[in-house]
Structure formats: C-alpha cells, structure tokens
Amino acid sequence: MKNEIRYGFGKDYLKSWGIQQALREIYQNFLDYGDYEETIKIKNEIATISLTNKWIPESLDFLRIGNSQKHNLNAIGKHGEGIKMAFLILERMNLKSRIFTSKYVVLPKFY
C-alpha cells in the first residue's frame, strides 16, 4: 500500500459522465497550469492522447480529494476533484490512463 491513494467511490459514481466529461476535466487541469503540449497518435483505430506541461509536483498530495495546488485565482478548477473524477470515469470505461511525473507513475484502478 505504499504510495497508494485509495478513494471510496463506487463504479456508478457520476454515472452520467462519459469520455467527454472526463476529457473536459483533464484538459481544464492542464489549462489551469498554463501552457501544455498535446500529442495524439492513432494506431489500429486506438487513439493515444498525451498532455505534458512544465509543472512538477513535489508529492502526490495533489491527487487527494480536496487538495488543489492551484494558486491561480482565475483557475477553472478550485476544489481538487475534477482530474480524480476523470480517471474514475476512464477506468470505469476500461480506458488506460496514467499520470507521469519526474518521480511517480500514477495508475488508477478499482479495488
């Protein structure tokens, strides 16, 4: 359990959300942190979307519910929930998602 963050959400949480809402939340997070790069690759009808920016988190605390490390008063997201919900939706849809930092790789999963 080292370096794990476990949430108590059921698979039916935000049942009406789909891929559009999940991607909206992810893109909003990247917009809030400034400039980012987007790469889209399609191979064998499978799309891979990669978003990168220069933000380097010191820990994984930004992934805890209610922890937002955004200091921009004009940020779209303020409560530290959107990206977590996005990964919950992607996992529910059996779509692979990951967060890579200089120190960590985050792999969402249900338990």
PDB file of N, CA and C in Angstrom:
ATOM      1  N   MET A   1       0.803  -1.208   0.000  1.00  0.00           N
ATOM      2  CA  MET A   1       0.000   0.000   0.000  1.00  0.00           C
ATOM      3  C   MET A   1       0.844   1.269   0.000  1.00  0.00           C
ATOM      4  N   LYS A   2       2.131   1.137   0.008  1.00  0.00           N
ATOM      5  CA  LYS A   2       2.992   2.301  -0.020  1.00  0.00           C
ATOM      6  C   LYS A   2       2.724   3.109  -1.288  1.00  0.00           C
ATOM      7  N   ASN A   3       2.653   4.425  -1.117  1.00  0.00           N
ATOM      8  CA  ASN A   3       2.421   5.344  -2.234  1.00  0.00           C
ATOM      9  C   ASN A   3       1.092   5.105  -2.943  1.00  0.00           C
ATOM     10  N   GLU A   4       0.097   4.598  -2.230  1.00  0.00           N
ATOM     11  CA  GLU A   4      -1.233   4.428  -2.817  1.00  0.00           C
ATOM     12  C   GLU A   4      -2.189   5.430  -2.204  1.00  0.00           C
ATOM     13  N   ILE A   5      -3.084   5.921  -3.026  1.00  0.00           N
ATOM     14  CA  ILE A   5      -4.176   6.760  -2.560  1.00  0.00           C
ATOM     15  C   ILE A   5      -5.447   6.020  -2.945  1.00  0.00           C
ATOM     16  N   ARG A   6      -6.241   5.658  -1.958  1.00  0.00           N
ATOM     17  CA  ARG A   6      -7.470   4.900  -2.227  1.00  0.00           C
ATOM     18  C   ARG A   6      -8.684   5.761  -1.942  1.00  0.00           C
ATOM     19  N   TYR A   7      -9.604   5.777  -2.890  1.00  0.00           N
ATOM     20  CA  TYR A   7     -10.852   6.510  -2.737  1.00  0.00           C
ATOM     21  C   TYR A   7     -11.977   5.512  -2.540  1.00  0.00           C
ATOM     22  N   GLY A   8     -12.996   5.911  -1.839  1.00  0.00           N
ATOM     23  CA  GLY A   8     -14.136   5.036  -1.598  1.00  0.00           C
ATOM     24  C   GLY A   8     -15.287   5.287  -2.546  1.00  0.00           C
ATOM     25  N   PHE A   9     -15.023   5.412  -3.830  1.00  0.00           N
ATOM     26  CA  PHE A   9     -16.073   5.648  -4.813  1.00  0.00           C
ATOM     27  C   PHE A   9     -16.508   4.342  -5.453  1.00  0.00           C
ATOM     28  N   GLY A  10     -17.799   4.188  -5.640  1.00  0.00           N
ATOM     29  CA  GLY A  10     -18.303   3.045  -6.374  1.00  0.00           C
ATOM     30  C   GLY A  10     -18.203   3.302  -7.870  1.00  0.00           C
ATOM     31  N   LYS A  11     -18.249   2.251  -8.642  1.00  0.00           N
ATOM     32  CA  LYS A  11     -18.129   2.384 -10.100  1.00  0.00           C
ATOM     33  C   LYS A  11     -19.271   3.179 -10.711  1.00  0.00           C
ATOM     34  N   ASP A  12     -20.398   3.292 -10.014  1.00  0.00           N
ATOM     35  CA  ASP A  12     -21.541   4.018 -10.557  1.00  0.00           C
ATOM     36  C   ASP A  12     -21.545   5.500 -10.195  1.00  0.00           C
ATOM     37  N   TYR A  13     -20.538   5.968  -9.456  1.00  0.00           N
ATOM     38  CA  TYR A  13     -20.460   7.386  -9.115  1.00  0.00           C
ATOM     39  C   TYR A  13     -20.334   8.192 -10.401  1.00  0.00           C
ATOM     40  N   LEU A  14     -21.070   9.270 -10.511  1.00  0.00           N
ATOM     41  CA  LEU A  14     -21.121  10.093 -11.724  1.00  0.00           C
ATOM     42  C   LEU A  14     -21.511   9.248 -12.937  1.00  0.00           C
ATOM     43  N   LYS A  15     -22.539   8.479 -12.760  1.00  0.00           N
ATOM     44  CA  LYS A  15     -22.970   7.517 -13.774  1.00  0.00           C
ATOM     45  C   LYS A  15     -23.237   8.151 -15.138  1.00  0.00           C
ATOM     46  N   SER A  16     -23.677   9.398 -15.145  1.00  0.00           N
ATOM     47  CA  SER A  16     -23.999  10.056 -16.418  1.00  0.00           C
ATOM     48  C   SER A  16     -22.761  10.587 -17.138  1.00  0.00           C
ATOM     49  N   TRP A  17     -21.616  10.556 -16.482  1.00  0.00           N
ATOM     50  CA  TRP A  17     -20.397  11.048 -17.117  1.00  0.00           C
ATOM     51  C   TRP A  17     -19.843  10.018 -18.081  1.00  0.00           C
ATOM     52  N   GLY A  18     -19.287  10.528 -19.173  1.00  0.00           N
ATOM     53  CA  GLY A  18     -18.643   9.680 -20.169  1.00  0.00           C
ATOM     54  C   GLY A  18     -17.298  10.266 -20.554  1.00  0.00           C
ATOM     55  N   ILE A  19     -16.815   9.859 -21.696  1.00  0.00           N
ATOM     56  CA  ILE A  19     -15.489  10.269 -22.161  1.00  0.00           C
ATOM     57  C   ILE A  19     -15.380  11.790 -22.310  1.00  0.00           C
ATOM     58  N   GLN A  20     -16.452  12.447 -22.779  1.00  0.00           N
ATOM     59  CA  GLN A  20     -16.399  13.904 -22.961  1.00  0.00           C
ATOM     60  C   GLN A  20     -16.163  14.625 -21.639  1.00  0.00           C
ATOM     61  N   GLN A  21     -16.875  14.226 -20.609  1.00  0.00           N
ATOM     62  CA  GLN A  21     -16.728  14.872 -19.308  1.00  0.00           C
ATOM     63  C   GLN A  21     -15.355  14.575 -18.708  1.00  0.00           C
ATOM     64  N   ALA A  22     -14.872  13.357 -18.876  1.00  0.00           N
ATOM     65  CA  ALA A  22     -13.551  13.006 -18.353  1.00  0.00           C
ATOM     66  C   ALA A  22     -12.469  13.836 -19.039  1.00  0.00           C
ATOM     67  N   LEU A  23     -12.516  13.907 -20.351  1.00  0.00           N
ATOM     68  CA  LEU A  23     -11.506  14.685 -21.078  1.00  0.00           C
ATOM     69  C   LEU A  23     -11.612  16.171 -20.753  1.00  0.00           C
ATOM     70  N   ARG A  24     -12.843  16.674 -20.573  1.00  0.00           N
ATOM     71  CA  ARG A  24     -13.029  18.080 -20.195  1.00  0.00           C
ATOM     72  C   ARG A  24     -12.271  18.376 -18.895  1.00  0.00           C
ATOM     73  N   GLU A  25     -12.421  17.510 -17.905  1.00  0.00           N
ATOM     74  CA  GLU A  25     -11.774  17.729 -16.618  1.00  0.00           C
ATOM     75  C   GLU A  25     -10.253  17.673 -16.731  1.00  0.00           C
ATOM     76  N   ILE A  26      -9.753  16.759 -17.516  1.00  0.00           N
ATOM     77  CA  ILE A  26      -8.298  16.649 -17.696  1.00  0.00           C
ATOM     78  C   ILE A  26      -7.752  17.889 -18.399  1.00  0.00           C
ATOM     79  N   TYR A  27      -8.406  18.308 -19.489  1.00  0.00           N
ATOM     80  CA  TYR A  27      -7.950  19.496 -20.205  1.00  0.00           C
ATOM     81  C   TYR A  27      -8.047  20.738 -19.333  1.00  0.00           C
ATOM     82  N   GLN A  28      -9.097  20.857 -18.514  1.00  0.00           N
ATOM     83  CA  GLN A  28      -9.218  22.009 -17.624  1.00  0.00           C
ATOM     84  C   GLN A  28      -8.049  22.079 -16.659  1.00  0.00           C
ATOM     85  N   ASN A  29      -7.615  20.934 -16.153  1.00  0.00           N
ATOM     86  CA  ASN A  29      -6.464  20.926 -15.256  1.00  0.00           C
ATOM     87  C   ASN A  29      -5.218  21.423 -15.967  1.00  0.00           C
ATOM     88  N   PHE A  30      -5.008  20.995 -17.190  1.00  0.00           N
ATOM     89  CA  PHE A  30      -3.832  21.451 -17.916  1.00  0.00           C
ATOM     90  C   PHE A  30      -3.924  22.933 -18.250  1.00  0.00           C
ATOM     91  N   LEU A  31      -5.112  23.417 -18.582  1.00  0.00           N
ATOM     92  CA  LEU A  31      -5.294  24.849 -18.840  1.00  0.00           C
ATOM     93  C   LEU A  31      -4.975  25.668 -17.594  1.00  0.00           C
ATOM     94  N   ASP A  32      -5.382  25.163 -16.434  1.00  0.00           N
ATOM     95  CA  ASP A  32      -5.146  25.885 -15.186  1.00  0.00           C
ATOM     96  C   ASP A  32      -3.663  26.015 -14.853  1.00  0.00           C
ATOM     97  N   TYR A  33      -2.855  25.089 -15.314  1.00  0.00           N
ATOM     98  CA  TYR A  33      -1.419  25.142 -15.020  1.00  0.00           C
ATOM     99  C   TYR A  33      -0.619  25.821 -16.120  1.00  0.00           C
ATOM    100  N   GLY A  34      -1.286  26.403 -17.094  1.00  0.00           N
ATOM    101  CA  GLY A  34      -0.583  27.173 -18.115  1.00  0.00           C
ATOM    102  C   GLY A  34      -0.381  26.416 -19.407  1.00  0.00           C
ATOM    103  N   ASP A  35       0.705  26.739 -20.083  1.00  0.00           N
ATOM    104  CA  ASP A  35       0.994  26.149 -21.386  1.00  0.00           C
ATOM    105  C   ASP A  35       1.182  24.640 -21.271  1.00  0.00           C
ATOM    106  N   TYR A  36       0.689  23.936 -22.275  1.00  0.00           N
ATOM    107  CA  TYR A  36       0.873  22.490 -22.324  1.00  0.00           C
ATOM    108  C   TYR A  36       0.991  22.056 -23.780  1.00  0.00           C
ATOM    109  N   GLU A  37       1.506  20.861 -23.957  1.00  0.00           N
ATOM    110  CA  GLU A  37       1.612  20.289 -25.298  1.00  0.00           C
ATOM    111  C   GLU A  37       0.702  19.080 -25.390  1.00  0.00           C
ATOM    112  N   GLU A  38       0.100  18.921 -26.543  1.00  0.00           N
ATOM    113  CA  GLU A  38      -0.806  17.803 -26.780  1.00  0.00           C
ATOM    114  C   GLU A  38      -0.285  16.983 -27.955  1.00  0.00           C
ATOM    115  N   THR A  39      -0.259  15.681 -27.774  1.00  0.00           N
ATOM    116  CA  THR A  39       0.120  14.765 -28.848  1.00  0.00           C
ATOM    117  C   THR A  39      -0.982  13.724 -28.976  1.00  0.00           C
ATOM    118  N   ILE A  40      -1.450  13.521 -30.194  1.00  0.00           N
ATOM    119  CA  ILE A  40      -2.472  12.500 -30.445  1.00  0.00           C
ATOM    120  C   ILE A  40      -1.912  11.539 -31.483  1.00  0.00           C
ATOM    121  N   LYS A  41      -1.903  10.269 -31.125  1.00  0.00           N
ATOM    122  CA  LYS A  41      -1.446   9.225 -32.044  1.00  0.00           C
ATOM    123  C   LYS A  41      -2.579   8.227 -32.224  1.00  0.00           C
ATOM    124  N   ILE A  42      -2.782   7.813 -33.461  1.00  0.00           N
ATOM    125  CA  ILE A  42      -3.812   6.811 -33.742  1.00  0.00           C
ATOM    126  C   ILE A  42      -3.143   5.646 -34.454  1.00  0.00           C
ATOM    127  N   LYS A  43      -3.312   4.462 -33.863  1.00  0.00           N
ATOM    128  CA  LYS A  43      -2.742   3.251 -34.448  1.00  0.00           C
ATOM    129  C   LYS A  43      -3.758   2.130 -34.272  1.00  0.00           C
ATOM    130  N   ASN A  44      -4.075   1.473 -35.356  1.00  0.00           N
ATOM    131  CA  ASN A  44      -5.060   0.377 -35.321  1.00  0.00           C
ATOM    132  C   ASN A  44      -6.370   0.814 -34.671  1.00  0.00           C
ATOM    133  N   GLU A  45      -6.809   2.019 -35.021  1.00  0.00           N
ATOM    134  CA  GLU A  45      -8.067   2.591 -34.517  1.00  0.00           C
ATOM    135  C   GLU A  45      -8.073   2.841 -33.012  1.00  0.00           C
ATOM    136  N   ILE A  46      -6.889   2.899 -32.395  1.00  0.00           N
ATOM    137  CA  ILE A  46      -6.762   3.215 -30.975  1.00  0.00           C
ATOM    138  C   ILE A  46      -6.046   4.558 -30.854  1.00  0.00           C
ATOM    139  N   ALA A  47      -6.703   5.500 -30.193  1.00  0.00           N
ATOM    140  CA  ALA A  47      -6.133   6.833 -30.020  1.00  0.00           C
ATOM    141  C   ALA A  47      -5.393   6.916 -28.686  1.00  0.00           C
ATOM    142  N   THR A  48      -4.219   7.511 -28.731  1.00  0.00           N
ATOM    143  CA  THR A  48      -3.451   7.800 -27.527  1.00  0.00           C
ATOM    144  C   THR A  48      -3.284   9.306 -27.459  1.00  0.00           C
ATOM    145  N   ILE A  49      -3.751   9.897 -26.360  1.00  0.00           N
ATOM    146  CA  ILE A  49      -3.648  11.335 -26.159  1.00  0.00           C
ATOM    147  C   ILE A  49      -2.668  11.570 -25.029  1.00  0.00           C
ATOM    148  N   SER A  50      -1.652  12.378 -25.288  1.00  0.00           N
ATOM    149  CA  SER A  50      -0.669  12.726 -24.257  1.00  0.00           C
ATOM    150  C   SER A  50      -0.677  14.234 -24.067  1.00  0.00           C
ATOM    151  N   LEU A  51      -0.768  14.653 -22.821  1.00  0.00           N
ATOM    152  CA  LEU A  51      -0.682  16.071 -22.475  1.00  0.00           C
ATOM    153  C   LEU A  51       0.513  16.241 -21.554  1.00  0.00           C
ATOM    154  N   THR A  52       1.340  17.236 -21.823  1.00  0.00           N
ATOM    155  CA  THR A  52       2.507  17.494 -20.985  1.00  0.00           C
ATOM    156  C   THR A  52       2.589  18.984 -20.674  1.00  0.00           C
ATOM    157  N   ASN A  53       3.123  19.284 -19.506  1.00  0.00           N
ATOM    158  CA  ASN A  53       3.393  20.667 -19.132  1.00  0.00           C
ATOM    159  C   ASN A  53       4.651  20.687 -18.267  1.00  0.00           C
ATOM    160  N   LYS A  54       5.002  21.863 -17.786  1.00  0.00           N
ATOM    161  CA  LYS A  54       6.244  22.002 -17.019  1.00  0.00           C
ATOM    162  C   LYS A  54       6.029  21.929 -15.514  1.00  0.00           C
ATOM    163  N   TRP A  55       4.794  21.708 -15.061  1.00  0.00           N
ATOM    164  CA  TRP A  55       4.529  21.651 -13.625  1.00  0.00           C
ATOM    165  C   TRP A  55       5.123  20.369 -13.053  1.00  0.00           C
ATOM    166  N   ILE A  56       5.861  20.487 -11.970  1.00  0.00           N
ATOM    167  CA  ILE A  56       6.481  19.338 -11.324  1.00  0.00           C
ATOM    168  C   ILE A  56       5.978  19.271  -9.880  1.00  0.00           C
ATOM    169  N   PRO A  57       5.065  18.350  -9.596  1.00  0.00           N
ATOM    170  CA  PRO A  57       4.575  18.238  -8.218  1.00  0.00           C
ATOM    171  C   PRO A  57       5.661  17.674  -7.307  1.00  0.00           C
ATOM    172  N   GLU A  58       5.696  18.158  -6.079  1.00  0.00           N
ATOM    173  CA  GLU A  58       6.678  17.666  -5.119  1.00  0.00           C
ATOM    174  C   GLU A  58       6.255  16.342  -4.503  1.00  0.00           C
ATOM    175  N   SER A  59       4.954  16.067  -4.536  1.00  0.00           N
ATOM    176  CA  SER A  59       4.422  14.830  -3.962  1.00  0.00           C
ATOM    177  C   SER A  59       3.143  14.476  -4.727  1.00  0.00           C
ATOM    178  N   LEU A  60       2.490  13.426  -4.286  1.00  0.00           N
ATOM    179  CA  LEU A  60       1.214  13.047  -4.888  1.00  0.00           C
ATOM    180  C   LEU A  60       0.020  13.636  -4.135  1.00  0.00           C
ATOM    181  N   ASP A  61       0.259  14.566  -3.228  1.00  0.00           N
ATOM    182  CA  ASP A  61      -0.833  15.167  -2.463  1.00  0.00           C
ATOM    183  C   ASP A  61      -1.882  15.835  -3.344  1.00  0.00           C
ATOM    184  N   PHE A  62      -1.489  16.279  -4.529  1.00  0.00           N
ATOM    185  CA  PHE A  62      -2.458  16.912  -5.417  1.00  0.00           C
ATOM    186  C   PHE A  62      -3.551  15.930  -5.860  1.00  0.00           C
ATOM    187  N   LEU A  63      -3.338  14.640  -5.660  1.00  0.00           N
ATOM    188  CA  LEU A  63      -4.323  13.635  -6.043  1.00  0.00           C
ATOM    189  C   LEU A  63      -5.307  13.303  -4.927  1.00  0.00           C
ATOM    190  N   ARG A  64      -5.137  13.871  -3.766  1.00  0.00           N
ATOM    191  CA  ARG A  64      -6.089  13.648  -2.683  1.00  0.00           C
ATOM    192  C   ARG A  64      -7.310  14.533  -2.898  1.00  0.00           C
ATOM    193  N   ILE A  65      -8.492  14.001  -2.594  1.00  0.00           N
ATOM    194  CA  ILE A  65      -9.728  14.767  -2.763  1.00  0.00           C
ATOM    195  C   ILE A  65      -9.659  16.026  -1.909  1.00  0.00           C
ATOM    196  N   GLY A  66      -9.981  17.155  -2.512  1.00  0.00           N
ATOM    197  CA  GLY A  66      -9.974  18.427  -1.798  1.00  0.00           C
ATOM    198  C   GLY A  66      -8.623  19.115  -1.790  1.00  0.00           C
ATOM    199  N   ASN A  67      -7.594  18.448  -2.269  1.00  0.00           N
ATOM    200  CA  ASN A  67      -6.269  19.071  -2.339  1.00  0.00           C
ATOM    201  C   ASN A  67      -6.058  19.620  -3.736  1.00  0.00           C
ATOM    202  N   SER A  68      -6.090  20.909  -3.833  1.00  0.00           N
ATOM    203  CA  SER A  68      -5.781  21.558  -5.092  1.00  0.00           C
ATOM    204  C   SER A  68      -4.531  22.389  -4.867  1.00  0.00           C
ATOM    205  N   GLN A  69      -3.579  22.284  -5.750  1.00  0.00           N
ATOM    206  CA  GLN A  69      -2.355  23.062  -5.617  1.00  0.00           C
ATOM    207  C   GLN A  69      -2.337  24.209  -6.615  1.00  0.00           C
ATOM    208  N   LYS A  70      -3.532  24.633  -7.004  1.00  0.00           N
ATOM    209  CA  LYS A  70      -3.636  25.743  -7.945  1.00  0.00           C
ATOM    210  C   LYS A  70      -3.664  27.046  -7.166  1.00  0.00           C
ATOM    211  N   HIS A  71      -2.780  27.942  -7.519  1.00  0.00           N
ATOM    212  CA  HIS A  71      -2.703  29.225  -6.842  1.00  0.00           C
ATOM    213  C   HIS A  71      -3.235  30.348  -7.726  1.00  0.00           C
ATOM    214  N   ASN A  72      -3.747  29.990  -8.875  1.00  0.00           N
ATOM    215  CA  ASN A  72      -4.298  30.947  -9.826  1.00  0.00           C
ATOM    216  C   ASN A  72      -5.763  31.223  -9.456  1.00  0.00           C
ATOM    217  N   LEU A  73      -6.067  32.457  -9.107  1.00  0.00           N
ATOM    218  CA  LEU A  73      -7.438  32.800  -8.726  1.00  0.00           C
ATOM    219  C   LEU A  73      -8.421  32.649  -9.877  1.00  0.00           C
ATOM    220  N   ASN A  74      -7.926  32.657 -11.109  1.00  0.00           N
ATOM    221  CA  ASN A  74      -8.783  32.506 -12.282  1.00  0.00           C
ATOM    222  C   ASN A  74      -8.858  31.061 -12.777  1.00  0.00           C
ATOM    223  N   ALA A  75      -8.339  30.141 -12.013  1.00  0.00           N
ATOM    224  CA  ALA A  75      -8.332  28.738 -12.429  1.00  0.00           C
ATOM    225  C   ALA A  75      -9.762  28.238 -12.591  1.00  0.00           C
ATOM    226  N   ILE A  76      -9.953  27.354 -13.562  1.00  0.00           N
ATOM    227  CA  ILE A  76     -11.267  26.759 -13.808  1.00  0.00           C
ATOM    228  C   ILE A  76     -11.636  25.862 -12.633  1.00  0.00           C
ATOM    229  N   GLY A  77     -10.724  24.996 -12.250  1.00  0.00           N
ATOM    230  CA  GLY A  77     -10.960  24.091 -11.128  1.00  0.00           C
ATOM    231  C   GLY A  77     -10.362  24.651  -9.851  1.00  0.00           C
ATOM    232  N   LYS A  78     -11.054  24.453  -8.749  1.00  0.00           N
ATOM    233  CA  LYS A  78     -10.575  25.014  -7.499  1.00  0.00           C
ATOM    234  C   LYS A  78     -10.593  24.017  -6.347  1.00  0.00           C
ATOM    235  N   HIS A  79     -11.284  22.916  -6.498  1.00  0.00           N
ATOM    236  CA  HIS A  79     -11.508  22.028  -5.370  1.00  0.00           C
ATOM    237  C   HIS A  79     -10.690  20.742  -5.400  1.00  0.00           C
ATOM    238  N   GLY A  80      -9.937  20.516  -6.443  1.00  0.00           N
ATOM    239  CA  GLY A  80      -9.089  19.331  -6.492  1.00  0.00           C
ATOM    240  C   GLY A  80      -9.850  18.040  -6.715  1.00  0.00           C
ATOM    241  N   GLU A  81     -10.956  18.108  -7.443  1.00  0.00           N
ATOM    242  CA  GLU A  81     -11.769  16.910  -7.657  1.00  0.00           C
ATOM    243  C   GLU A  81     -11.817  16.450  -9.109  1.00  0.00           C
ATOM    244  N   GLY A  82     -11.763  17.358 -10.055  1.00  0.00           N
ATOM    245  CA  GLY A  82     -12.033  17.045 -11.455  1.00  0.00           C
ATOM    246  C   GLY A  82     -11.162  15.964 -12.057  1.00  0.00           C
ATOM    247  N   ILE A  83      -9.859  16.089 -11.890  1.00  0.00           N
ATOM    248  CA  ILE A  83      -8.984  15.101 -12.524  1.00  0.00           C
ATOM    249  C   ILE A  83      -9.157  13.726 -11.890  1.00  0.00           C
ATOM    250  N   LYS A  84      -9.470  13.695 -10.588  1.00  0.00           N
ATOM    251  CA  LYS A  84      -9.708  12.403  -9.930  1.00  0.00           C
ATOM    252  C   LYS A  84     -10.963  11.748 -10.489  1.00  0.00           C
ATOM    253  N   MET A  85     -11.984  12.550 -10.705  1.00  0.00           N
ATOM    254  CA  MET A  85     -13.231  12.025 -11.261  1.00  0.00           C
ATOM    255  C   MET A  85     -13.013  11.573 -12.708  1.00  0.00           C
ATOM    256  N   ALA A  86     -12.191  12.301 -13.432  1.00  0.00           N
ATOM    257  CA  ALA A  86     -11.905  11.926 -14.819  1.00  0.00           C
ATOM    258  C   ALA A  86     -11.267  10.547 -14.881  1.00  0.00           C
ATOM    259  N   PHE A  87     -10.322  10.289 -14.018  1.00  0.00           N
ATOM    260  CA  PHE A  87      -9.656   8.987 -14.037  1.00  0.00           C
ATOM    261  C   PHE A  87     -10.579   7.876 -13.557  1.00  0.00           C
ATOM    262  N   LEU A  88     -11.505   8.187 -12.664  1.00  0.00           N
ATOM    263  CA  LEU A  88     -12.520   7.219 -12.256  1.00  0.00           C
ATOM    264  C   LEU A  88     -13.375   6.825 -13.464  1.00  0.00           C
ATOM    265  N   ILE A  89     -13.778   7.813 -14.251  1.00  0.00           N
ATOM    266  CA  ILE A  89     -14.610   7.558 -15.430  1.00  0.00           C
ATOM    267  C   ILE A  89     -13.829   6.743 -16.460  1.00  0.00           C
ATOM    268  N   LEU A  90     -12.601   7.134 -16.732  1.00  0.00           N
ATOM    269  CA  LEU A  90     -11.800   6.399 -17.718  1.00  0.00           C
ATOM    270  C   LEU A  90     -11.585   4.954 -17.286  1.00  0.00           C
ATOM    271  N   GLU A  91     -11.334   4.748 -16.010  1.00  0.00           N
ATOM    272  CA  GLU A  91     -11.145   3.386 -15.502  1.00  0.00           C
ATOM    273  C   GLU A  91     -12.431   2.579 -15.648  1.00  0.00           C
ATOM    274  N   ARG A  92     -13.554   3.209 -15.356  1.00  0.00           N
ATOM    275  CA  ARG A  92     -14.845   2.526 -15.485  1.00  0.00           C
ATOM    276  C   ARG A  92     -15.108   2.116 -16.937  1.00  0.00           C
ATOM    277  N   MET A  93     -14.617   2.923 -17.867  1.00  0.00           N
ATOM    278  CA  MET A  93     -14.811   2.642 -19.291  1.00  0.00           C
ATOM    279  C   MET A  93     -13.731   1.712 -19.848  1.00  0.00           C
ATOM    280  N   ASN A  94     -12.880   1.194 -18.978  1.00  0.00           N
ATOM    281  CA  ASN A  94     -11.765   0.323 -19.376  1.00  0.00           C
ATOM    282  C   ASN A  94     -10.799   1.006 -20.339  1.00  0.00           C
ATOM    283  N   LEU A  95     -10.598   2.294 -20.145  1.00  0.00           N
ATOM    284  CA  LEU A  95      -9.631   3.051 -20.929  1.00  0.00           C
ATOM    285  C   LEU A  95      -8.398   3.281 -20.071  1.00  0.00           C
ATOM    286  N   LYS A  96      -7.234   3.024 -20.621  1.00  0.00           N
ATOM    287  CA  LYS A  96      -5.996   3.180 -19.867  1.00  0.00           C
ATOM    288  C   LYS A  96      -5.704   4.663 -19.656  1.00  0.00           C
ATOM    289  N   SER A  97      -5.297   5.008 -18.461  1.00  0.00           N
ATOM    290  CA  SER A  97      -4.893   6.376 -18.160  1.00  0.00           C
ATOM    291  C   SER A  97      -3.749   6.327 -17.164  1.00  0.00           C
ATOM    292  N   ARG A  98      -2.878   7.304 -17.249  1.00  0.00           N
ATOM    293  CA  ARG A  98      -1.713   7.357 -16.375  1.00  0.00           C
ATOM    294  C   ARG A  98      -1.326   8.812 -16.175  1.00  0.00           C
ATOM    295  N   ILE A  99      -0.713   9.063 -15.043  1.00  0.00           N
ATOM    296  CA  ILE A  99      -0.075  10.355 -14.798  1.00  0.00           C
ATOM    297  C   ILE A  99       1.399  10.044 -14.553  1.00  0.00           C
ATOM    298  N   PHE A 100       2.259  10.682 -15.326  1.00  0.00           N
ATOM    299  CA  PHE A 100       3.700  10.535 -15.157  1.00  0.00           C
ATOM    300  C   PHE A 100       4.260  11.844 -14.606  1.00  0.00           C
ATOM    301  N   THR A 101       5.015  11.762 -13.530  1.00  0.00           N
ATOM    302  CA  THR A 101       5.758  12.914 -13.040  1.00  0.00           C
ATOM    303  C   THR A 101       7.226  12.520 -13.050  1.00  0.00           C
ATOM    304  N   SER A 102       8.075  13.433 -12.647  1.00  0.00           N
ATOM    305  CA  SER A 102       9.503  13.102 -12.622  1.00  0.00           C
ATOM    306  C   SER A 102       9.818  12.028 -11.583  1.00  0.00           C
ATOM    307  N   LYS A 103       8.924  11.863 -10.586  1.00  0.00           N
ATOM    308  CA  LYS A 103       9.171  10.893  -9.519  1.00  0.00           C
ATOM    309  C   LYS A 103       8.185   9.728  -9.496  1.00  0.00           C
ATOM    310  N   TYR A 104       7.009   9.899 -10.086  1.00  0.00           N
ATOM    311  CA  TYR A 104       5.930   8.930  -9.899  1.00  0.00           C
ATOM    312  C   TYR A 104       5.250   8.554 -11.206  1.00  0.00           C
ATOM    313  N   VAL A 105       4.644   7.376 -11.178  1.00  0.00           N
ATOM    314  CA  VAL A 105       3.692   6.964 -12.215  1.00  0.00           C
ATOM    315  C   VAL A 105       2.410   6.603 -11.468  1.00  0.00           C
ATOM    316  N   VAL A 106       1.329   7.235 -11.820  1.00  0.00           N
ATOM    317  CA  VAL A 106       0.043   7.003 -11.157  1.00  0.00           C
ATOM    318  C   VAL A 106      -0.817   6.167 -12.071  1.00  0.00           C
ATOM    319  N   LEU A 107      -1.297   5.050 -11.545  1.00  0.00           N
ATOM    320  CA  LEU A 107      -2.130   4.110 -12.301  1.00  0.00           C
ATOM    321  C   LEU A 107      -3.477   3.981 -11.596  1.00  0.00           C
ATOM    322  N   PRO A 108      -4.520   4.617 -12.119  1.00  0.00           N
ATOM    323  CA  PRO A 108      -5.841   4.468 -11.480  1.00  0.00           C
ATOM    324  C   PRO A 108      -6.361   3.048 -11.602  1.00  0.00           C
ATOM    325  N   LYS A 109      -7.051   2.578 -10.553  1.00  0.00           N
ATOM    326  CA  LYS A 109      -7.671   1.261 -10.613  1.00  0.00           C
ATOM    327  C   LYS A 109      -8.739   1.171  -9.541  1.00  0.00           C
ATOM    328  N   PHE A 110      -9.702   0.286  -9.781  1.00  0.00           N
ATOM    329  CA  PHE A 110     -10.715  -0.014  -8.770  1.00  0.00           C
ATOM    330  C   PHE A 110     -10.179  -1.112  -7.881  1.00  0.00           C
ATOM    331  N   TYR A 111     -10.564  -1.102  -6.635  1.00  0.00           N
ATOM    332  CA  TYR A 111     -10.158  -2.158  -5.714  1.00  0.00           C
ATOM    333  C   TYR A 111     -11.367  -2.646  -4.958  1.00  0.00           C
TER     334      TYR A 111
END
